[in-house]
Amino acid sequence: MYTNGMSTAPSSGPATSWRRPVRKVLRNWRERHQHPFNFWIHLVGIPVAVAGVGLLIMQEWYWGAGALVVGYLLQFLGHRMEGNDVGEWAAVKRLCGRPYVSISPQWQAKSTVAESPRS
């Protein structure tokens, strides 16, 4: 429906065009972080690593480097608990044509069982 030459459809326009890719990224991120420890440790590790970038600019270099190391270490520990590769490492492996574990096998098995049709 058009009013004054403008569409009134709720899903049209640039204001909503960013939602679909953001939802896809968040869905993929959540699928790779299903273990509760991994999920919650990322909620700590990601802000610490991001703060490390700011600290590299605003403080002495060792504060920023330390925050980056601690933030990534927390995320690495979470992925070890989950049983899959850290996102950046999986991307490097994918670019090199090497095998990588995107989603932990423990969660793949459960989703396969849940999606299989019943006889």
N, C-alpha and C. Protein backbone atom coordinates (compact mmCIF):
# COMPACT_ATOMS: atom_id res chain seq x y z
N MET A 1 0.84 -1.16 0.00
CA MET A 1 0.00 0.00 0.00
C MET A 1 0.89 1.23 0.00
N TYR A 2 0.53 2.20 -0.81
CA TYR A 2 1.32 3.42 -0.92
C TYR A 2 0.55 4.60 -0.38
N THR A 3 1.23 5.43 0.37
CA THR A 3 0.67 6.65 0.90
C THR A 3 1.68 7.77 0.65
N ASN A 4 1.27 8.78 -0.05
CA ASN A 4 2.15 9.90 -0.38
C ASN A 4 3.42 9.44 -1.09
N GLY A 5 3.29 8.40 -1.92
CA GLY A 5 4.44 7.92 -2.68
C GLY A 5 5.40 7.06 -1.89
N MET A 6 5.11 6.75 -0.63
CA MET A 6 6.01 5.95 0.19
C MET A 6 5.31 4.66 0.59
N SER A 7 6.04 3.59 0.62
CA SER A 7 5.49 2.30 1.00
C SER A 7 5.30 2.26 2.51
N THR A 8 4.21 1.66 2.94
CA THR A 8 3.97 1.50 4.38
C THR A 8 4.20 0.07 4.84
N ALA A 9 4.74 -0.76 3.94
CA ALA A 9 5.02 -2.15 4.31
C ALA A 9 6.09 -2.16 5.40
N PRO A 10 5.89 -2.93 6.47
CA PRO A 10 6.84 -2.91 7.58
C PRO A 10 8.21 -3.47 7.25
N SER A 11 8.34 -4.33 6.23
CA SER A 11 9.63 -4.95 5.96
C SER A 11 10.39 -4.26 4.84
N SER A 12 9.95 -3.12 4.36
CA SER A 12 10.64 -2.47 3.27
C SER A 12 11.56 -1.38 3.79
N GLY A 13 12.53 -1.04 2.97
CA GLY A 13 13.40 0.08 3.30
C GLY A 13 14.69 -0.34 3.96
N PRO A 14 15.64 0.59 3.99
CA PRO A 14 16.97 0.29 4.55
C PRO A 14 16.97 0.10 6.05
N ALA A 15 15.94 0.56 6.74
CA ALA A 15 15.92 0.43 8.20
C ALA A 15 15.82 -1.03 8.64
N THR A 16 15.23 -1.90 7.82
CA THR A 16 15.10 -3.31 8.19
C THR A 16 16.05 -4.21 7.41
N SER A 17 16.78 -3.68 6.44
CA SER A 17 17.65 -4.52 5.62
C SER A 17 18.82 -5.10 6.40
N TRP A 18 19.19 -4.53 7.51
CA TRP A 18 20.31 -5.02 8.30
C TRP A 18 19.92 -6.15 9.24
N ARG A 19 18.63 -6.33 9.48
CA ARG A 19 18.21 -7.32 10.48
C ARG A 19 18.47 -8.76 10.05
N ARG A 20 18.22 -9.08 8.80
CA ARG A 20 18.40 -10.46 8.36
C ARG A 20 19.84 -10.94 8.51
N PRO A 21 20.84 -10.19 8.03
CA PRO A 21 22.22 -10.65 8.23
C PRO A 21 22.63 -10.71 9.70
N VAL A 22 22.14 -9.77 10.50
CA VAL A 22 22.47 -9.78 11.93
C VAL A 22 21.88 -11.01 12.59
N ARG A 23 20.63 -11.34 12.25
CA ARG A 23 20.01 -12.55 12.81
C ARG A 23 20.77 -13.80 12.41
N LYS A 24 21.22 -13.85 11.15
CA LYS A 24 21.97 -15.02 10.68
C LYS A 24 23.29 -15.16 11.44
N VAL A 25 24.00 -14.05 11.62
CA VAL A 25 25.27 -14.09 12.36
C VAL A 25 25.04 -14.54 13.80
N LEU A 26 24.02 -13.98 14.44
CA LEU A 26 23.72 -14.35 15.83
C LEU A 26 23.29 -15.82 15.95
N ARG A 27 22.51 -16.30 14.99
CA ARG A 27 22.08 -17.71 14.99
C ARG A 27 23.29 -18.62 14.83
N ASN A 28 24.19 -18.29 13.91
CA ASN A 28 25.40 -19.10 13.71
C ASN A 28 26.30 -19.05 14.95
N TRP A 29 26.41 -17.85 15.56
CA TRP A 29 27.24 -17.73 16.76
C TRP A 29 26.67 -18.58 17.88
N ARG A 30 25.37 -18.53 18.06
CA ARG A 30 24.72 -19.29 19.14
C ARG A 30 24.86 -20.79 18.90
N GLU A 31 24.84 -21.21 17.62
CA GLU A 31 24.98 -22.63 17.31
C GLU A 31 26.38 -23.14 17.66
N ARG A 32 27.39 -22.27 17.54
CA ARG A 32 28.76 -22.65 17.86
C ARG A 32 29.08 -22.53 19.35
N HIS A 33 28.18 -21.97 20.14
CA HIS A 33 28.42 -21.75 21.57
C HIS A 33 27.24 -22.30 22.38
N GLN A 34 26.98 -23.59 22.24
CA GLN A 34 25.82 -24.20 22.90
C GLN A 34 26.10 -24.65 24.32
N HIS A 35 27.35 -25.00 24.60
CA HIS A 35 27.69 -25.43 25.96
C HIS A 35 27.59 -24.21 26.87
N PRO A 36 26.91 -24.33 28.01
CA PRO A 36 26.72 -23.17 28.89
C PRO A 36 28.02 -22.49 29.32
N PHE A 37 29.06 -23.28 29.63
CA PHE A 37 30.34 -22.68 30.03
C PHE A 37 30.91 -21.85 28.89
N ASN A 38 30.90 -22.40 27.69
CA ASN A 38 31.43 -21.69 26.53
C ASN A 38 30.65 -20.41 26.28
N PHE A 39 29.35 -20.47 26.35
CA PHE A 39 28.50 -19.30 26.12
C PHE A 39 28.83 -18.19 27.13
N TRP A 40 28.84 -18.52 28.41
CA TRP A 40 29.04 -17.50 29.44
C TRP A 40 30.47 -16.99 29.50
N ILE A 41 31.44 -17.86 29.23
CA ILE A 41 32.82 -17.40 29.26
C ILE A 41 33.09 -16.46 28.09
N HIS A 42 32.36 -16.64 26.98
CA HIS A 42 32.47 -15.71 25.86
C HIS A 42 31.87 -14.35 26.21
N LEU A 43 30.82 -14.36 27.02
CA LEU A 43 30.23 -13.08 27.42
C LEU A 43 31.19 -12.28 28.30
N VAL A 44 32.19 -12.93 28.86
CA VAL A 44 33.24 -12.22 29.60
C VAL A 44 34.44 -11.95 28.68
N GLY A 45 34.86 -12.98 27.95
CA GLY A 45 36.08 -12.88 27.15
C GLY A 45 36.00 -11.90 25.99
N ILE A 46 34.87 -11.82 25.33
CA ILE A 46 34.75 -10.91 24.18
C ILE A 46 34.90 -9.45 24.62
N PRO A 47 34.17 -8.99 25.65
CA PRO A 47 34.37 -7.60 26.06
C PRO A 47 35.80 -7.31 26.56
N VAL A 48 36.42 -8.28 27.21
CA VAL A 48 37.80 -8.07 27.68
C VAL A 48 38.73 -7.90 26.48
N ALA A 49 38.57 -8.73 25.45
CA ALA A 49 39.41 -8.62 24.25
C ALA A 49 39.16 -7.30 23.52
N VAL A 50 37.90 -6.90 23.41
CA VAL A 50 37.58 -5.63 22.75
C VAL A 50 38.15 -4.46 23.56
N ALA A 51 38.05 -4.54 24.87
CA ALA A 51 38.63 -3.49 25.71
C ALA A 51 40.15 -3.44 25.53
N GLY A 52 40.75 -4.58 25.26
CA GLY A 52 42.19 -4.62 25.01
C GLY A 52 42.60 -3.79 23.82
N VAL A 53 41.76 -3.76 22.79
CA VAL A 53 42.06 -2.93 21.62
C VAL A 53 42.05 -1.46 22.02
N GLY A 54 41.05 -1.07 22.79
CA GLY A 54 41.00 0.32 23.26
C GLY A 54 42.17 0.65 24.17
N LEU A 55 42.54 -0.28 25.02
CA LEU A 55 43.66 -0.06 25.93
C LEU A 55 44.98 0.07 25.19
N LEU A 56 45.11 -0.64 24.06
CA LEU A 56 46.33 -0.49 23.26
C LEU A 56 46.50 0.94 22.79
N ILE A 57 45.40 1.59 22.53
CA ILE A 57 45.43 2.97 22.02
C ILE A 57 45.58 3.97 23.16
N MET A 58 44.88 3.74 24.26
CA MET A 58 44.76 4.75 25.30
C MET A 58 45.72 4.58 26.48
N GLN A 59 46.24 3.41 26.70
CA GLN A 59 47.10 3.14 27.87
C GLN A 59 48.45 2.62 27.40
N GLU A 60 49.24 2.22 28.37
CA GLU A 60 50.51 1.56 28.05
C GLU A 60 50.20 0.28 27.27
N TRP A 61 51.05 -0.10 26.34
CA TRP A 61 50.78 -1.22 25.45
C TRP A 61 50.53 -2.52 26.19
N TYR A 62 51.20 -2.73 27.33
CA TYR A 62 51.08 -4.02 28.02
C TYR A 62 49.70 -4.24 28.62
N TRP A 63 48.97 -3.17 28.95
CA TRP A 63 47.60 -3.34 29.44
C TRP A 63 46.70 -3.86 28.32
N GLY A 64 46.83 -3.29 27.16
CA GLY A 64 46.04 -3.73 26.02
C GLY A 64 46.40 -5.14 25.59
N ALA A 65 47.70 -5.42 25.53
CA ALA A 65 48.14 -6.76 25.14
C ALA A 65 47.67 -7.80 26.16
N GLY A 66 47.75 -7.44 27.44
CA GLY A 66 47.29 -8.36 28.48
C GLY A 66 45.80 -8.64 28.39
N ALA A 67 45.01 -7.60 28.14
CA ALA A 67 43.57 -7.79 28.02
C ALA A 67 43.23 -8.64 26.80
N LEU A 68 43.93 -8.42 25.69
CA LEU A 68 43.69 -9.24 24.50
C LEU A 68 44.02 -10.71 24.78
N VAL A 69 45.15 -10.95 25.42
CA VAL A 69 45.55 -12.33 25.73
C VAL A 69 44.54 -12.98 26.67
N VAL A 70 44.16 -12.28 27.73
CA VAL A 70 43.19 -12.85 28.68
C VAL A 70 41.85 -13.10 28.00
N GLY A 71 41.37 -12.14 27.21
CA GLY A 71 40.09 -12.30 26.52
C GLY A 71 40.09 -13.50 25.58
N TYR A 72 41.16 -13.63 24.78
CA TYR A 72 41.23 -14.77 23.86
C TYR A 72 41.47 -16.08 24.60
N LEU A 73 42.19 -16.05 25.70
CA LEU A 73 42.41 -17.26 26.49
C LEU A 73 41.08 -17.77 27.04
N LEU A 74 40.25 -16.87 27.54
CA LEU A 74 38.93 -17.29 28.04
C LEU A 74 38.10 -17.91 26.92
N GLN A 75 38.13 -17.30 25.74
CA GLN A 75 37.36 -17.85 24.63
C GLN A 75 37.92 -19.21 24.19
N PHE A 76 39.25 -19.34 24.18
CA PHE A 76 39.88 -20.60 23.84
C PHE A 76 39.46 -21.71 24.81
N LEU A 77 39.46 -21.39 26.11
CA LEU A 77 39.04 -22.37 27.11
C LEU A 77 37.59 -22.79 26.90
N GLY A 78 36.75 -21.83 26.56
CA GLY A 78 35.35 -22.16 26.28
C GLY A 78 35.19 -23.11 25.11
N HIS A 79 35.96 -22.88 24.05
CA HIS A 79 35.88 -23.77 22.89
C HIS A 79 36.49 -25.13 23.17
N ARG A 80 37.49 -25.20 24.04
CA ARG A 80 38.03 -26.50 24.43
C ARG A 80 36.96 -27.31 25.18
N MET A 81 36.21 -26.62 26.04
CA MET A 81 35.13 -27.28 26.78
C MET A 81 34.03 -27.72 25.81
N GLU A 82 33.72 -26.89 24.84
CA GLU A 82 32.66 -27.19 23.86
C GLU A 82 33.08 -28.33 22.94
N GLY A 83 34.36 -28.35 22.55
CA GLY A 83 34.84 -29.39 21.66
C GLY A 83 34.90 -28.96 20.20
N ASN A 84 34.96 -27.66 19.94
CA ASN A 84 35.09 -27.19 18.57
C ASN A 84 36.22 -26.17 18.47
N ASP A 85 36.54 -25.79 17.22
CA ASP A 85 37.63 -24.84 17.00
C ASP A 85 37.19 -23.41 17.29
N VAL A 86 38.14 -22.60 17.75
CA VAL A 86 37.90 -21.17 17.93
C VAL A 86 37.60 -20.58 16.55
N GLY A 87 36.70 -19.61 16.48
CA GLY A 87 36.24 -19.06 15.21
C GLY A 87 37.34 -18.61 14.28
N GLU A 88 38.31 -17.85 14.79
CA GLU A 88 39.39 -17.36 13.95
C GLU A 88 40.26 -18.50 13.44
N TRP A 89 40.51 -19.47 14.31
CA TRP A 89 41.32 -20.62 13.91
C TRP A 89 40.59 -21.46 12.88
N ALA A 90 39.28 -21.62 13.03
CA ALA A 90 38.48 -22.36 12.04
C ALA A 90 38.53 -21.64 10.70
N ALA A 91 38.50 -20.32 10.69
CA ALA A 91 38.57 -19.57 9.44
C ALA A 91 39.91 -19.76 8.75
N VAL A 92 41.01 -19.76 9.53
CA VAL A 92 42.33 -19.99 8.97
C VAL A 92 42.41 -21.39 8.37
N LYS A 93 41.91 -22.38 9.10
CA LYS A 93 41.92 -23.75 8.60
C LYS A 93 41.10 -23.87 7.32
N ARG A 94 39.93 -23.21 7.29
CA ARG A 94 39.07 -23.26 6.11
C ARG A 94 39.78 -22.65 4.91
N LEU A 95 40.46 -21.51 5.10
CA LEU A 95 41.20 -20.87 4.00
C LEU A 95 42.34 -21.74 3.49
N CYS A 96 42.95 -22.51 4.38
CA CYS A 96 44.06 -23.39 3.99
C CYS A 96 43.58 -24.75 3.48
N GLY A 97 42.28 -24.96 3.48
CA GLY A 97 41.75 -26.24 3.01
C GLY A 97 41.90 -27.37 4.01
N ARG A 98 42.10 -27.05 5.26
CA ARG A 98 42.28 -28.05 6.31
C ARG A 98 40.95 -28.35 6.98
N PRO A 99 40.79 -29.53 7.54
CA PRO A 99 39.54 -29.84 8.25
C PRO A 99 39.45 -29.07 9.57
N TYR A 100 38.25 -28.70 9.95
CA TYR A 100 38.02 -27.96 11.18
C TYR A 100 36.68 -28.39 11.76
N VAL A 101 36.50 -28.12 13.04
CA VAL A 101 35.26 -28.47 13.72
C VAL A 101 34.52 -27.16 14.02
N SER A 102 33.45 -26.93 13.27
CA SER A 102 32.67 -25.71 13.47
C SER A 102 31.70 -25.87 14.63
N ILE A 103 30.94 -26.95 14.60
CA ILE A 103 29.97 -27.25 15.64
C ILE A 103 30.39 -28.54 16.31
N SER A 104 30.42 -28.53 17.61
CA SER A 104 30.87 -29.69 18.37
C SER A 104 30.06 -30.94 18.01
N PRO A 105 30.73 -32.08 17.86
CA PRO A 105 30.01 -33.31 17.53
C PRO A 105 28.91 -33.67 18.54
N GLN A 106 29.07 -33.31 19.81
CA GLN A 106 28.03 -33.62 20.79
C GLN A 106 26.72 -32.92 20.46
N TRP A 107 26.78 -31.71 19.89
CA TRP A 107 25.57 -30.98 19.54
C TRP A 107 25.06 -31.40 18.17
N GLN A 108 25.96 -31.82 17.27
CA GLN A 108 25.53 -32.29 15.96
C GLN A 108 24.71 -33.56 16.10
N ALA A 109 25.14 -34.45 16.98
CA ALA A 109 24.42 -35.72 17.18
C ALA A 109 23.03 -35.46 17.72
N LYS A 110 22.88 -34.53 18.65
CA LYS A 110 21.57 -34.24 19.22
C LYS A 110 20.65 -33.59 18.22
N SER A 111 21.18 -32.69 17.37
CA SER A 111 20.33 -32.04 16.38
C SER A 111 19.93 -33.02 15.29
N THR A 112 20.80 -33.98 14.96
CA THR A 112 20.45 -34.99 13.95
C THR A 112 19.35 -35.89 14.47
N VAL A 113 19.41 -36.30 15.74
CA VAL A 113 18.38 -37.15 16.33
C VAL A 113 17.07 -36.39 16.40
N ALA A 114 17.13 -35.12 16.78
CA ALA A 114 15.91 -34.33 16.92
C ALA A 114 15.24 -34.07 15.57
N GLU A 115 16.04 -34.00 14.48
CA GLU A 115 15.50 -33.70 13.17
C GLU A 115 15.10 -34.94 12.38
N SER A 116 15.49 -36.14 12.83
CA SER A 116 15.19 -37.34 12.06
C SER A 116 13.70 -37.66 12.14
N PRO A 117 13.12 -38.08 10.99
CA PRO A 117 11.68 -38.40 11.00
C PRO A 117 11.42 -39.70 11.74
N ARG A 118 10.27 -39.76 12.38
CA ARG A 118 9.90 -40.96 13.13
C ARG A 118 9.20 -41.95 12.21
N SER A 119 9.44 -43.24 12.45
CA SER A 119 8.80 -44.26 11.61
C SER A 119 7.56 -44.80 12.26
